[in-house]
Protein backbone atom coordinates (compact mmCIF):
# COMPACT_ATOMS: atom_id res chain seq x y z
CA MET A 1 -29.08 26.92 -35.78
CA PRO A 2 -27.30 23.69 -36.61
CA ALA A 3 -24.72 23.66 -39.37
CA LYS A 4 -25.94 20.50 -41.12
CA ASN A 5 -28.98 20.30 -43.33
CA ILE A 6 -31.68 19.39 -40.83
CA GLY A 7 -33.96 17.67 -43.34
CA LYS A 8 -31.22 15.53 -44.80
CA THR A 9 -30.01 14.56 -41.33
CA LEU A 10 -33.55 13.72 -40.17
CA LYS A 11 -34.04 11.47 -43.19
CA GLU A 12 -30.68 9.74 -42.60
CA LEU A 13 -31.61 9.17 -38.94
CA ARG A 14 -35.02 7.76 -39.90
CA LEU A 15 -33.49 5.38 -42.41
CA LYS A 16 -30.81 4.33 -39.93
CA SER A 17 -33.58 3.64 -37.41
CA GLY A 18 -35.27 1.36 -39.95
CA LEU A 19 -38.50 3.34 -39.98
CA THR A 20 -40.65 4.26 -42.94
CA GLN A 21 -41.90 7.80 -43.34
CA LYS A 22 -45.39 6.56 -42.51
CA GLN A 23 -44.26 4.94 -39.27
CA ALA A 24 -42.45 8.12 -38.23
CA TYR A 25 -45.16 10.67 -39.09
CA GLU A 26 -47.88 8.51 -37.53
CA HIS A 27 -45.80 8.10 -34.37
CA ILE A 28 -45.42 11.85 -33.89
CA GLY A 29 -48.92 12.66 -35.18
CA VAL A 30 -48.35 14.89 -38.21
CA ALA A 31 -49.52 14.77 -41.81
CA GLN A 32 -47.38 12.99 -44.40
CA SER A 33 -46.96 16.19 -46.43
CA THR A 34 -45.72 18.08 -43.36
CA PHE A 35 -43.28 15.34 -42.47
CA SER A 36 -42.05 15.08 -46.06
CA SER A 37 -41.47 18.84 -46.23
CA TRP A 38 -39.09 18.52 -43.26
CA GLU A 39 -37.06 15.74 -44.84
CA VAL A 40 -36.66 17.56 -48.17
CA GLY A 41 -35.68 20.79 -46.39
CA LYS A 42 -38.69 22.92 -47.36
CA ALA A 43 -39.54 23.45 -43.70
CA GLU A 44 -38.23 22.60 -40.25
CA PRO A 45 -40.18 20.89 -37.49
CA PRO A 46 -41.17 22.95 -34.45
CA ASN A 47 -38.84 22.47 -31.48
CA ASP A 48 -41.17 20.15 -29.57
CA VAL A 49 -41.67 17.90 -32.62
CA PHE A 50 -37.96 18.05 -33.39
CA MET A 51 -37.25 16.72 -29.90
CA LYS A 52 -39.83 13.93 -30.40
CA LEU A 53 -38.09 12.96 -33.64
CA CYS A 54 -34.70 12.90 -31.93
CA ASP A 55 -36.18 10.69 -29.23
CA LEU A 56 -37.80 8.41 -31.83
CA TYR A 57 -34.48 8.12 -33.71
CA ASN A 58 -32.57 7.55 -30.46
CA VAL A 59 -30.34 10.61 -30.92
CA LYS A 60 -28.13 10.91 -27.84
CA ASN A 61 -26.18 14.06 -28.75
CA ILE A 62 -28.44 16.40 -30.70
CA LEU A 63 -25.86 19.18 -31.02
CA GLN A 64 -23.20 16.90 -32.46
CA THR A 65 -25.63 15.00 -34.69
CA PHE A 66 -26.88 18.18 -36.32
CA GLY A 67 -23.48 19.82 -36.66
CA TYR A 68 -23.72 22.55 -34.04
CA ASP A 69 -20.27 24.04 -33.64
CA GLY A 70 -21.00 26.75 -31.08
CA TYR A 71 -20.78 29.73 -33.43
CA LYS A 72 -23.28 31.92 -35.24
CA GLU A 73 -22.93 32.67 -38.95
CA ASP A 74 -21.15 35.94 -38.12
CA GLY A 75 -18.53 34.05 -36.08
CA SER A 76 -19.79 35.14 -32.67
CA LEU A 77 -20.38 32.61 -29.89
CA GLN A 78 -23.71 30.84 -29.64
CA LEU A 79 -24.01 29.31 -26.19
CA ASN A 80 -26.16 26.25 -25.65
CA MET A 81 -28.25 25.88 -22.50
CA LYS A 82 -25.59 23.88 -20.64
CA GLU A 83 -23.00 26.57 -21.37
CA VAL A 84 -25.38 29.33 -20.25
CA ASP A 85 -26.00 27.38 -17.04
CA MET A 86 -22.24 27.05 -16.46
CA VAL A 87 -21.67 30.79 -16.97
CA GLU A 88 -24.46 31.58 -14.51
CA LYS A 89 -22.97 29.20 -11.92
CA TYR A 90 -19.51 30.69 -12.41
CA ARG A 91 -20.87 34.20 -11.91
CA LEU A 92 -22.57 33.14 -8.68
CA ILE A 93 -19.41 31.42 -7.43
CA SER A 94 -17.33 34.50 -8.30
CA THR A 95 -19.72 36.77 -6.41
CA HIS A 96 -19.99 34.69 -3.24
CA SER A 97 -16.72 32.76 -3.14
CA PRO A 98 -13.63 34.24 -4.83
CA ASP A 99 -11.65 31.19 -3.66
CA GLY A 100 -14.17 28.89 -5.34
CA ALA A 101 -13.84 30.85 -8.58
CA SER A 102 -10.06 30.57 -8.29
CA VAL A 103 -10.32 26.78 -8.02
CA VAL A 104 -12.57 26.67 -11.10
CA ASP A 105 -10.10 28.93 -12.96
CA THR A 106 -7.18 26.67 -12.04
CA VAL A 107 -8.94 23.51 -13.21
CA LEU A 108 -10.18 25.21 -16.38
CA ASP A 109 -6.71 26.55 -17.24
CA ARG A 110 -5.10 23.16 -16.65
CA GLU A 111 -7.65 21.27 -18.71
CA TYR A 112 -7.47 23.89 -21.46
CA ALA A 113 -3.68 23.52 -21.65
CA ILE A 114 -4.03 19.75 -21.97
CA ALA A 115 -6.69 20.10 -24.68
CA GLU A 116 -4.53 22.59 -26.62
CA LYS A 117 -1.55 20.24 -26.45
CA LEU A 118 -3.64 17.32 -27.73
CA LYS A 119 -5.10 19.51 -30.47
CA LYS A 120 -1.62 20.48 -31.66
CA GLN A 121 -0.50 16.84 -31.63
CA ASN A 122 -3.55 15.84 -33.67
CA GLU A 123 -2.94 18.69 -36.13
CA LYS A 124 0.65 17.51 -36.58
CA ILE A 125 -0.52 13.96 -37.28
CA ILE A 126 -3.04 15.23 -39.81
CA GLU A 127 -0.36 17.40 -41.40
CA LEU A 128 1.95 14.41 -41.79
CA THR A 129 -0.80 12.30 -43.35
CA GLN A 130 -1.62 15.03 -45.85
CA VAL A 131 1.91 15.26 -47.23
CA SER A 132 1.76 14.71 -50.96
CA LYS A 133 3.01 11.24 -51.81
CA TYR A 134 6.09 10.65 -53.89
CA THR A 135 7.25 14.18 -54.58
CA GLN A 136 10.94 14.90 -54.10
CA LYS A 137 10.45 17.97 -51.90
CA ASP A 138 7.88 16.50 -49.53
CA THR A 139 8.61 14.53 -46.39
CA TYR A 140 7.84 10.86 -46.83
CA VAL A 141 6.92 8.72 -43.85
CA ASN A 142 7.74 5.02 -44.18
CA ALA A 143 8.30 2.28 -41.63
CA ALA A 144 8.46 4.61 -38.63
CA HIS A 145 11.07 6.92 -40.10
CA ILE A 146 11.11 10.07 -42.18
CA ASP A 147 13.24 10.20 -45.30
CA GLU A 148 13.34 13.61 -46.96
CA ASP A 149 16.06 12.79 -49.52
CA SER A 150 14.78 9.54 -51.02
CA THR A 151 13.70 9.25 -54.65
CA PRO A 152 10.30 7.97 -55.72
CA GLU A 153 11.97 4.70 -56.73
CA ASP A 154 13.54 4.32 -53.26
CA ARG A 155 10.17 5.00 -51.68
CA GLN A 156 8.46 2.42 -53.89
CA ALA A 157 11.14 -0.16 -53.05
CA GLY A 158 10.61 0.54 -49.33
CA ASP A 159 6.84 0.18 -49.72
CA ASN A 160 7.29 -3.08 -51.62
CA MET A 161 9.58 -4.41 -48.89
CA MET A 162 7.07 -3.49 -46.18
CA MET A 163 4.23 -5.17 -48.08
CA ASP A 164 6.21 -8.41 -48.66
CA ASP A 165 5.10 -10.70 -45.83
CA SER A 166 7.59 -13.40 -46.76
CA GLU A 167 10.33 -11.40 -45.06
CA TRP A 168 8.46 -11.60 -41.75
CA GLU A 169 7.55 -15.28 -41.68
């Protein structure tokens, strides 16, 4: 099941769509009390009604919108229908065409390596942005350089210089 609170997300989507509760529950044909119970999290809409709501709210990526991360609460994989379909296709290819499976493996390995590299680069950027500001032992990034030995006063002077537009006019 999705990781986000379904009711809260449904309410946010309705409000973003500019619809009142009445407009939404009348459109999908349910009682106000039923609809309200979904938005406050007391109940969840049946799958067919959930899909109607997503259509009404113009949700393009249901999994992403509702926080699906691909894992069950116990940490095991939870495949969506597209992933199940891909596994079934791969199994068929592997059975009838080992060369075809080899091509898929090669592409998958290459794309995975690229994704891992990008993930590591993004993690490094996040790490640099989370460095505590103005402590002597932390790395301080300023004006496209890293200065590990500067004092807080030096850092403030550098920030002031970078913020002073008169130097650049």
